[in-house]
């Protein structure tokens, strides 16, 4: 797997999460994870709770590592 790093959650991240929730139907918590990953420039997000292979904003792919 790639490099592990921390990315702060800002008020802008919370607003972005609201947009993600509205556009993709994710829960608030999942939307916050996705918005933070997008802000951090991630291209892959590993999650067993989201749809495997889903592409978010044409730049973030959800991968279920148990699939």
N, C-alpha and C. Protein backbone atom coordinates (compact mmCIF):
# COMPACT_ATOMS: atom_id res chain seq x y z
N UNK A 1 0.84 -1.18 0.00
CA UNK A 1 0.00 0.00 0.00
C UNK A 1 0.88 1.24 0.00
N UNK A 2 0.26 2.37 -0.24
CA UNK A 2 0.98 3.62 -0.36
C UNK A 2 1.33 4.24 0.98
N UNK A 3 1.80 5.45 0.88
CA UNK A 3 2.23 6.22 2.04
C UNK A 3 1.05 6.57 2.94
N UNK A 4 1.27 6.55 4.24
CA UNK A 4 0.25 6.91 5.21
C UNK A 4 0.57 8.31 5.74
N UNK A 5 -0.43 9.20 5.73
CA UNK A 5 -0.23 10.55 6.24
C UNK A 5 -1.53 11.10 6.79
N UNK A 6 -1.43 12.13 7.58
CA UNK A 6 -2.60 12.76 8.18
C UNK A 6 -2.97 13.99 7.37
N UNK A 7 -4.27 14.27 7.29
CA UNK A 7 -4.77 15.46 6.61
C UNK A 7 -5.81 16.10 7.53
N UNK A 8 -5.66 17.39 7.83
CA UNK A 8 -6.60 18.03 8.77
C UNK A 8 -8.00 18.21 8.17
N UNK A 9 -8.99 18.14 9.03
CA UNK A 9 -10.36 18.44 8.62
C UNK A 9 -10.63 19.90 8.97
N UNK A 10 -10.99 20.67 7.95
CA UNK A 10 -11.24 22.10 8.11
C UNK A 10 -12.73 22.38 7.85
N UNK A 11 -13.18 23.61 8.11
CA UNK A 11 -14.56 23.94 7.75
C UNK A 11 -14.84 23.70 6.26
N UNK A 12 -13.85 23.95 5.41
CA UNK A 12 -14.02 23.70 3.97
C UNK A 12 -14.22 22.21 3.69
N UNK A 13 -13.55 21.36 4.46
CA UNK A 13 -13.71 19.91 4.31
C UNK A 13 -15.14 19.50 4.65
N UNK A 14 -15.68 20.08 5.69
CA UNK A 14 -17.05 19.76 6.11
C UNK A 14 -18.05 20.19 5.03
N UNK A 15 -17.83 21.36 4.43
CA UNK A 15 -18.71 21.81 3.35
C UNK A 15 -18.58 20.89 2.13
N UNK A 16 -17.36 20.46 1.83
CA UNK A 16 -17.15 19.53 0.72
C UNK A 16 -17.84 18.21 1.01
N UNK A 17 -17.82 17.77 2.26
CA UNK A 17 -18.48 16.52 2.65
C UNK A 17 -19.99 16.61 2.44
N UNK A 18 -20.57 17.76 2.69
CA UNK A 18 -22.01 17.94 2.44
C UNK A 18 -22.33 17.78 0.96
N UNK A 19 -21.46 18.30 0.11
CA UNK A 19 -21.63 18.17 -1.34
C UNK A 19 -21.49 16.71 -1.76
N UNK A 20 -20.50 16.02 -1.21
CA UNK A 20 -20.31 14.59 -1.51
C UNK A 20 -21.53 13.79 -1.08
N UNK A 21 -22.05 14.08 0.10
CA UNK A 21 -23.23 13.35 0.61
C UNK A 21 -24.42 13.55 -0.31
N UNK A 22 -24.61 14.77 -0.76
CA UNK A 22 -25.74 15.07 -1.64
C UNK A 22 -25.57 14.41 -3.00
N UNK A 23 -24.37 14.45 -3.55
CA UNK A 23 -24.12 13.93 -4.89
C UNK A 23 -24.12 12.41 -4.95
N UNK A 24 -23.52 11.76 -3.93
CA UNK A 24 -23.32 10.31 -3.98
C UNK A 24 -24.16 9.52 -2.98
N UNK A 25 -24.86 10.21 -2.08
CA UNK A 25 -25.74 9.52 -1.14
C UNK A 25 -25.03 8.84 0.01
N UNK A 26 -23.79 9.22 0.28
CA UNK A 26 -23.05 8.64 1.41
C UNK A 26 -23.56 9.23 2.72
N UNK A 27 -23.31 8.50 3.81
CA UNK A 27 -23.60 9.04 5.14
C UNK A 27 -22.67 10.22 5.41
N UNK A 28 -22.97 10.97 6.46
CA UNK A 28 -22.11 12.12 6.79
C UNK A 28 -20.68 11.66 7.07
N UNK A 29 -20.53 10.62 7.85
CA UNK A 29 -19.20 10.13 8.20
C UNK A 29 -18.43 9.67 6.97
N UNK A 30 -19.06 8.87 6.11
CA UNK A 30 -18.39 8.41 4.89
C UNK A 30 -18.07 9.58 3.97
N UNK A 31 -18.97 10.55 3.89
CA UNK A 31 -18.73 11.73 3.06
C UNK A 31 -17.54 12.53 3.55
N UNK A 32 -17.37 12.59 4.85
CA UNK A 32 -16.23 13.29 5.42
C UNK A 32 -14.92 12.57 5.07
N UNK A 33 -14.94 11.26 5.10
CA UNK A 33 -13.77 10.47 4.71
C UNK A 33 -13.44 10.71 3.24
N UNK A 34 -14.46 10.66 2.38
CA UNK A 34 -14.26 10.85 0.95
C UNK A 34 -13.77 12.27 0.66
N UNK A 35 -14.39 13.28 1.26
CA UNK A 35 -13.98 14.66 1.04
C UNK A 35 -12.54 14.90 1.48
N UNK A 36 -12.16 14.32 2.60
CA UNK A 36 -10.79 14.47 3.09
C UNK A 36 -9.81 13.78 2.15
N UNK A 37 -10.16 12.60 1.65
CA UNK A 37 -9.29 11.89 0.70
C UNK A 37 -9.13 12.70 -0.58
N UNK A 38 -10.20 13.31 -1.06
CA UNK A 38 -10.11 14.14 -2.25
C UNK A 38 -9.21 15.35 -2.01
N UNK A 39 -9.38 16.02 -0.87
CA UNK A 39 -8.54 17.18 -0.56
C UNK A 39 -7.07 16.80 -0.42
N UNK A 40 -6.81 15.61 0.08
CA UNK A 40 -5.43 15.15 0.27
C UNK A 40 -4.80 14.67 -1.03
N UNK A 41 -5.58 14.60 -2.10
CA UNK A 41 -5.05 14.19 -3.39
C UNK A 41 -4.93 12.68 -3.56
N UNK A 42 -5.68 11.93 -2.78
CA UNK A 42 -5.64 10.47 -2.89
C UNK A 42 -6.32 10.02 -4.18
N UNK A 43 -5.83 8.93 -4.73
CA UNK A 43 -6.46 8.37 -5.92
C UNK A 43 -7.22 7.08 -5.59
N UNK A 44 -6.92 6.48 -4.43
CA UNK A 44 -7.56 5.25 -3.99
C UNK A 44 -7.97 5.37 -2.53
N UNK A 45 -9.19 4.90 -2.24
CA UNK A 45 -9.68 4.86 -0.87
C UNK A 45 -10.13 3.43 -0.59
N UNK A 46 -9.53 2.80 0.40
CA UNK A 46 -9.88 1.42 0.75
C UNK A 46 -10.98 1.43 1.80
N UNK A 47 -12.10 0.77 1.48
CA UNK A 47 -13.23 0.71 2.41
C UNK A 47 -14.07 -0.52 2.09
N UNK A 48 -14.46 -1.24 3.12
CA UNK A 48 -15.35 -2.37 2.91
C UNK A 48 -16.81 -1.94 2.98
N UNK A 49 -17.06 -0.68 3.34
CA UNK A 49 -18.43 -0.19 3.53
C UNK A 49 -18.99 0.57 2.33
N UNK A 50 -18.15 0.90 1.36
CA UNK A 50 -18.60 1.66 0.20
C UNK A 50 -18.56 0.76 -1.04
N UNK A 51 -19.14 1.24 -2.12
CA UNK A 51 -19.27 0.44 -3.35
C UNK A 51 -17.91 0.22 -4.01
N UNK A 52 -17.51 -1.03 -4.13
CA UNK A 52 -16.24 -1.40 -4.76
C UNK A 52 -16.20 -0.89 -6.20
N UNK A 53 -15.13 -0.21 -6.55
CA UNK A 53 -14.92 0.26 -7.92
C UNK A 53 -15.57 1.60 -8.23
N UNK A 54 -16.30 2.17 -7.28
CA UNK A 54 -16.96 3.46 -7.54
C UNK A 54 -15.91 4.54 -7.73
N UNK A 55 -16.12 5.38 -8.73
CA UNK A 55 -15.22 6.49 -9.02
C UNK A 55 -15.87 7.78 -8.54
N UNK A 56 -15.17 8.52 -7.71
CA UNK A 56 -15.67 9.77 -7.14
C UNK A 56 -14.96 10.93 -7.82
N UNK A 57 -15.72 11.85 -8.38
CA UNK A 57 -15.20 13.05 -9.04
C UNK A 57 -14.11 12.73 -10.07
N UNK A 58 -14.20 11.58 -10.70
CA UNK A 58 -13.23 11.16 -11.72
C UNK A 58 -11.79 11.15 -11.24
N UNK A 59 -11.58 10.99 -9.92
CA UNK A 59 -10.20 10.97 -9.44
C UNK A 59 -9.96 10.12 -8.20
N UNK A 60 -11.02 9.61 -7.57
CA UNK A 60 -10.86 8.79 -6.38
C UNK A 60 -11.64 7.50 -6.56
N UNK A 61 -10.95 6.37 -6.50
CA UNK A 61 -11.59 5.07 -6.69
C UNK A 61 -11.73 4.37 -5.36
N UNK A 62 -12.94 3.87 -5.08
CA UNK A 62 -13.20 3.12 -3.86
C UNK A 62 -12.85 1.66 -4.12
N UNK A 63 -12.01 1.10 -3.26
CA UNK A 63 -11.60 -0.31 -3.39
C UNK A 63 -11.96 -1.04 -2.10
N UNK A 64 -12.67 -2.16 -2.23
CA UNK A 64 -12.93 -3.02 -1.09
C UNK A 64 -11.79 -4.03 -1.02
N UNK A 65 -10.93 -3.94 -0.01
CA UNK A 65 -9.76 -4.83 0.04
C UNK A 65 -10.12 -6.28 0.30
N UNK A 66 -11.36 -6.57 0.67
CA UNK A 66 -11.77 -7.93 0.96
C UNK A 66 -12.52 -8.57 -0.21
N UNK A 67 -12.58 -7.91 -1.30
CA UNK A 67 -13.30 -8.42 -2.47
C UNK A 67 -12.39 -9.21 -3.35
